Amino acid sequence: MTTRTTRIAARYVTPALLVAVASTHLFVGQTQPMNPWVGGGFGMFASVDRRDLRAVRAEARIGSERVALDVDGWAQQSEDHAATIARIVALPSPGVLEDLEEQLRSARWTATGKLADEDAAPAQLGDMQISVWKTTYSDEGPSARPERIATHRGEAR
């Protein structure tokens, strides 16, 4: 590159790239469940919010009882299920949570515990709530706590 081209790049391209990155981050922070940018500093690199520290929980009404669905067990049944959960914990959005609801409703669920009946048909899922959780740490002490970052509620069909 010539000296003139280098000066033009330093003067216009670099700031334009920085503005594009910051604008994209601000847009995603406003439209997706992501922490908005509140300034620079190294704190933004010190986050403990990782995919392996997130969890997907689903509850459904079966009869008159509200029960937890074994989402982790469901995810282990196939690579597609595992990929769905991985996609949700990476960037939970209303669309992917609705897709998960459809997939969970189409799965065969069997009631266990006090709802179990050996001769019963597969459980029919009523209203459903799907939540994505992350682990956060308090500034006041070394204690971890769950924080819900996304929720989807589906009506019985």
C-alpha atoms as a PDB file:
ATOM      1  CA  MET A   1       0.000   0.000   0.000  1.00  0.00           C
ATOM      2  CA  THR A   2       1.094   3.497  -0.634  1.00  0.00           C
ATOM      3  CA  THR A   3       1.560   6.025   2.116  1.00  0.00           C
ATOM      4  CA  ARG A   4      -1.521   7.908   0.952  1.00  0.00           C
ATOM      5  CA  THR A   5      -3.674   4.752   1.016  1.00  0.00           C
ATOM      6  CA  THR A   6      -2.415   3.923   4.500  1.00  0.00           C
ATOM      7  CA  ARG A   7      -3.318   7.397   5.755  1.00  0.00           C
ATOM      8  CA  ILE A   8      -6.801   7.152   4.257  1.00  0.00           C
ATOM      9  CA  ALA A   9      -7.323   3.731   5.834  1.00  0.00           C
ATOM     10  CA  ALA A  10      -6.134   4.953   9.220  1.00  0.00           C
ATOM     11  CA  ARG A  11      -8.302   8.050   9.037  1.00  0.00           C
ATOM     12  CA  TYR A  12     -11.575   6.567   7.719  1.00  0.00           C
ATOM     13  CA  VAL A  13     -11.680   2.764   7.592  1.00  0.00           C
ATOM     14  CA  THR A  14     -10.575   2.063  11.158  1.00  0.00           C
ATOM     15  CA  PRO A  15     -13.079   4.453  12.815  1.00  0.00           C
ATOM     16  CA  ALA A  16     -15.832   3.228  10.477  1.00  0.00           C
ATOM     17  CA  LEU A  17     -15.123  -0.361  11.491  1.00  0.00           C
ATOM     18  CA  LEU A  18     -15.221   0.548  15.196  1.00  0.00           C
ATOM     19  CA  VAL A  19     -18.543   2.376  14.735  1.00  0.00           C
ATOM     20  CA  ALA A  20     -19.958  -0.639  12.870  1.00  0.00           C
ATOM     21  CA  VAL A  21     -18.942  -3.041  15.657  1.00  0.00           C
ATOM     22  CA  ALA A  22     -20.320  -0.779  18.405  1.00  0.00           C
ATOM     23  CA  SER A  23     -23.571  -0.183  16.485  1.00  0.00           C
ATOM     24  CA  THR A  24     -24.057  -3.898  15.912  1.00  0.00           C
ATOM     25  CA  HIS A  25     -23.477  -4.614  19.595  1.00  0.00           C
ATOM     26  CA  LEU A  26     -25.945  -1.912  20.662  1.00  0.00           C
ATOM     27  CA  PHE A  27     -28.567  -3.210  18.213  1.00  0.00           C
ATOM     28  CA  VAL A  28     -28.191  -6.833  19.337  1.00  0.00           C
ATOM     29  CA  GLY A  29     -28.226  -5.700  22.986  1.00  0.00           C
ATOM     30  CA  GLN A  30     -31.597  -4.032  22.419  1.00  0.00           C
ATOM     31  CA  THR A  31     -33.210  -6.757  20.304  1.00  0.00           C
ATOM     32  CA  GLN A  32     -31.838  -9.968  21.861  1.00  0.00           C
ATOM     33  CA  PRO A  33     -31.480 -11.175  25.450  1.00  0.00           C
ATOM     34  CA  MET A  34     -27.910  -9.995  25.764  1.00  0.00           C
ATOM     35  CA  ASN A  35     -26.274  -7.567  28.145  1.00  0.00           C
ATOM     36  CA  PRO A  36     -26.078  -4.132  26.528  1.00  0.00           C
ATOM     37  CA  TRP A  37     -22.730  -2.443  26.221  1.00  0.00           C
ATOM     38  CA  VAL A  38     -22.273  -0.120  29.181  1.00  0.00           C
ATOM     39  CA  GLY A  39     -18.798   1.034  28.384  1.00  0.00           C
ATOM     40  CA  GLY A  40     -15.491  -0.497  27.565  1.00  0.00           C
ATOM     41  CA  GLY A  41     -12.960  -1.786  30.024  1.00  0.00           C
ATOM     42  CA  PHE A  42     -11.733  -5.270  30.702  1.00  0.00           C
ATOM     43  CA  GLY A  43     -14.854  -6.202  32.690  1.00  0.00           C
ATOM     44  CA  MET A  44     -16.595  -7.126  29.460  1.00  0.00           C
ATOM     45  CA  PHE A  45     -14.020  -9.898  29.003  1.00  0.00           C
ATOM     46  CA  ALA A  46     -14.371 -11.196  32.571  1.00  0.00           C
ATOM     47  CA  SER A  47     -17.924 -12.527  32.264  1.00  0.00           C
ATOM     48  CA  VAL A  48     -18.753 -15.956  33.636  1.00  0.00           C
ATOM     49  CA  ASP A  49     -21.749 -16.242  31.316  1.00  0.00           C
ATOM     50  CA  ARG A  50     -20.823 -19.270  29.232  1.00  0.00           C
ATOM     51  CA  ARG A  51     -23.022 -21.748  27.398  1.00  0.00           C
ATOM     52  CA  ASP A  52     -22.065 -24.572  29.731  1.00  0.00           C
ATOM     53  CA  LEU A  53     -23.311 -22.478  32.676  1.00  0.00           C
ATOM     54  CA  ARG A  54     -26.759 -22.036  31.128  1.00  0.00           C
ATOM     55  CA  ALA A  55     -29.738 -24.341  31.492  1.00  0.00           C
ATOM     56  CA  VAL A  56     -33.048 -24.894  29.721  1.00  0.00           C
ATOM     57  CA  ARG A  57     -36.019 -25.822  31.896  1.00  0.00           C
ATOM     58  CA  ALA A  58     -39.494 -26.766  30.737  1.00  0.00           C
ATOM     59  CA  GLU A  59     -42.654 -27.271  32.763  1.00  0.00           C
ATOM     60  CA  ALA A  60     -46.003 -28.462  31.479  1.00  0.00           C
ATOM     61  CA  ARG A  61     -49.417 -29.059  32.923  1.00  0.00           C
ATOM     62  CA  ILE A  62     -50.414 -32.715  32.885  1.00  0.00           C
ATOM     63  CA  GLY A  63     -53.953 -33.015  34.142  1.00  0.00           C
ATOM     64  CA  SER A  64     -54.157 -30.758  37.197  1.00  0.00           C
ATOM     65  CA  GLU A  65     -50.429 -31.005  38.041  1.00  0.00           C
ATOM     66  CA  ARG A  66     -47.555 -28.811  36.862  1.00  0.00           C
ATOM     67  CA  VAL A  67     -44.523 -31.019  36.201  1.00  0.00           C
ATOM     68  CA  ALA A  68     -40.933 -30.499  35.070  1.00  0.00           C
ATOM     69  CA  LEU A  69     -39.996 -32.102  31.750  1.00  0.00           C
ATOM     70  CA  ASP A  70     -36.638 -33.875  31.498  1.00  0.00           C
ATOM     71  CA  VAL A  71     -35.173 -31.583  28.834  1.00  0.00           C
ATOM     72  CA  ASP A  72     -31.634 -32.870  29.440  1.00  0.00           C
ATOM     73  CA  GLY A  73     -32.756 -36.470  28.898  1.00  0.00           C
ATOM     74  CA  TRP A  74     -34.681 -35.423  25.784  1.00  0.00           C
ATOM     75  CA  ALA A  75     -31.563 -33.647  24.434  1.00  0.00           C
ATOM     76  CA  GLN A  76     -29.516 -36.831  24.856  1.00  0.00           C
ATOM     77  CA  GLN A  77     -31.889 -38.830  22.635  1.00  0.00           C
ATOM     78  CA  SER A  78     -30.538 -37.436  19.365  1.00  0.00           C
ATOM     79  CA  GLU A  79     -27.965 -35.085  17.883  1.00  0.00           C
ATOM     80  CA  ASP A  80     -30.784 -32.898  16.517  1.00  0.00           C
ATOM     81  CA  HIS A  81     -32.226 -32.477  20.007  1.00  0.00           C
ATOM     82  CA  ALA A  82     -28.790 -31.664  21.424  1.00  0.00           C
ATOM     83  CA  ALA A  83     -28.219 -29.123  18.627  1.00  0.00           C
ATOM     84  CA  THR A  84     -31.567 -27.473  19.393  1.00  0.00           C
ATOM     85  CA  ILE A  85     -30.625 -27.043  23.056  1.00  0.00           C
ATOM     86  CA  ALA A  86     -27.137 -25.778  22.116  1.00  0.00           C
ATOM     87  CA  ARG A  87     -28.712 -23.190  19.792  1.00  0.00           C
ATOM     88  CA  ILE A  88     -31.121 -22.056  22.523  1.00  0.00           C
ATOM     89  CA  VAL A  89     -28.490 -21.599  25.230  1.00  0.00           C
ATOM     90  CA  ALA A  90     -26.230 -19.710  22.803  1.00  0.00           C
ATOM     91  CA  LEU A  91     -28.885 -17.176  21.762  1.00  0.00           C
ATOM     92  CA  PRO A  92     -32.372 -17.746  23.149  1.00  0.00           C
ATOM     93  CA  SER A  93     -34.919 -16.008  20.948  1.00  0.00           C
ATOM     94  CA  PRO A  94     -38.716 -16.280  20.758  1.00  0.00           C
ATOM     95  CA  GLY A  95     -38.485 -18.246  17.499  1.00  0.00           C
ATOM     96  CA  VAL A  96     -36.158 -20.962  18.780  1.00  0.00           C
ATOM     97  CA  LEU A  97     -38.137 -21.277  22.022  1.00  0.00           C
ATOM     98  CA  GLU A  98     -41.343 -21.763  20.006  1.00  0.00           C
ATOM     99  CA  ASP A  99     -39.558 -24.411  17.924  1.00  0.00           C
ATOM    100  CA  LEU A 100     -38.505 -26.182  21.115  1.00  0.00           C
ATOM    101  CA  GLU A 101     -42.089 -26.113  22.372  1.00  0.00           C
ATOM    102  CA  GLU A 102     -43.260 -27.798  19.161  1.00  0.00           C
ATOM    103  CA  GLN A 103     -40.550 -30.442  19.435  1.00  0.00           C
ATOM    104  CA  LEU A 104     -41.315 -31.131  23.100  1.00  0.00           C
ATOM    105  CA  ARG A 105     -45.042 -31.403  22.359  1.00  0.00           C
ATOM    106  CA  SER A 106     -44.395 -33.919  19.580  1.00  0.00           C
ATOM    107  CA  ALA A 107     -42.192 -36.089  21.837  1.00  0.00           C
ATOM    108  CA  ARG A 108     -43.600 -39.040  23.748  1.00  0.00           C
ATOM    109  CA  TRP A 109     -43.668 -38.246  27.469  1.00  0.00           C
ATOM    110  CA  THR A 110     -44.467 -40.708  30.221  1.00  0.00           C
ATOM    111  CA  ALA A 111     -45.611 -39.559  33.646  1.00  0.00           C
ATOM    112  CA  THR A 112     -43.537 -40.747  36.607  1.00  0.00           C
ATOM    113  CA  GLY A 113     -43.924 -40.492  40.363  1.00  0.00           C
ATOM    114  CA  LYS A 114     -47.376 -39.753  41.746  1.00  0.00           C
ATOM    115  CA  LEU A 115     -48.763 -39.107  38.242  1.00  0.00           C
ATOM    116  CA  ALA A 116     -47.623 -42.508  36.972  1.00  0.00           C
ATOM    117  CA  ASP A 117     -50.140 -45.117  35.902  1.00  0.00           C
ATOM    118  CA  GLU A 118     -48.799 -48.323  34.378  1.00  0.00           C
ATOM    119  CA  ASP A 119     -51.726 -48.622  31.970  1.00  0.00           C
ATOM    120  CA  ALA A 120     -51.868 -44.933  31.050  1.00  0.00           C
ATOM    121  CA  ALA A 121     -51.386 -43.574  27.568  1.00  0.00           C
ATOM    122  CA  PRO A 122     -48.492 -41.161  26.939  1.00  0.00           C
ATOM    123  CA  ALA A 123     -48.900 -37.922  28.880  1.00  0.00           C
ATOM    124  CA  GLN A 124     -50.806 -35.113  27.165  1.00  0.00           C
ATOM    125  CA  LEU A 125     -49.041 -31.800  27.732  1.00  0.00           C
ATOM    126  CA  GLY A 126     -51.154 -28.790  28.616  1.00  0.00           C
ATOM    127  CA  ASP A 127     -49.892 -25.245  29.078  1.00  0.00           C
ATOM    128  CA  MET A 128     -46.108 -25.139  28.897  1.00  0.00           C
ATOM    129  CA  GLN A 129     -43.406 -22.766  30.101  1.00  0.00           C
ATOM    130  CA  ILE A 130     -39.834 -22.922  28.818  1.00  0.00           C
ATOM    131  CA  SER A 131     -37.117 -20.880  30.544  1.00  0.00           C
ATOM    132  CA  VAL A 132     -33.438 -20.324  29.855  1.00  0.00           C
ATOM    133  CA  TRP A 133     -31.280 -19.649  32.909  1.00  0.00           C
ATOM    134  CA  LYS A 134     -27.730 -18.456  33.431  1.00  0.00           C
ATOM    135  CA  THR A 135     -25.508 -18.431  36.503  1.00  0.00           C
ATOM    136  CA  THR A 136     -24.610 -15.051  37.966  1.00  0.00           C
ATOM    137  CA  TYR A 137     -22.380 -14.124  40.866  1.00  0.00           C
ATOM    138  CA  SER A 138     -23.006 -11.423  43.429  1.00  0.00           C
ATOM    139  CA  ASP A 139     -20.524  -8.635  44.101  1.00  0.00           C
ATOM    140  CA  GLU A 140     -21.329  -9.020  47.799  1.00  0.00           C
ATOM    141  CA  GLY A 141     -19.873 -12.482  48.201  1.00  0.00           C
ATOM    142  CA  PRO A 142     -18.875 -15.723  46.519  1.00  0.00           C
ATOM    143  CA  SER A 143     -22.421 -16.931  45.969  1.00  0.00           C
ATOM    144  CA  ALA A 144     -23.874 -18.066  42.678  1.00  0.00           C
ATOM    145  CA  ARG A 145     -27.537 -17.611  41.831  1.00  0.00           C
ATOM    146  CA  PRO A 146     -29.688 -18.453  38.819  1.00  0.00           C
ATOM    147  CA  GLU A 147     -31.022 -15.675  36.611  1.00  0.00           C
ATOM    148  CA  ARG A 148     -33.743 -16.209  34.021  1.00  0.00           C
ATOM    149  CA  ILE A 149     -32.773 -14.679  30.674  1.00  0.00           C
ATOM    150  CA  ALA A 150     -35.631 -15.857  28.451  1.00  0.00           C
ATOM    151  CA  THR A 151     -39.105 -17.326  28.888  1.00  0.00           C
ATOM    152  CA  HIS A 152     -41.689 -18.726  26.508  1.00  0.00           C
ATOM    153  CA  ARG A 153     -45.240 -19.645  27.475  1.00  0.00           C
ATOM    154  CA  GLY A 154     -47.286 -21.912  25.245  1.00  0.00           C
ATOM    155  CA  GLU A 155     -50.989 -22.644  25.479  1.00  0.00           C
ATOM    156  CA  ALA A 156     -52.417 -26.155  25.518  1.00  0.00           C
ATOM    157  CA  ARG A 157     -53.469 -27.422  22.112  1.00  0.00           C
END
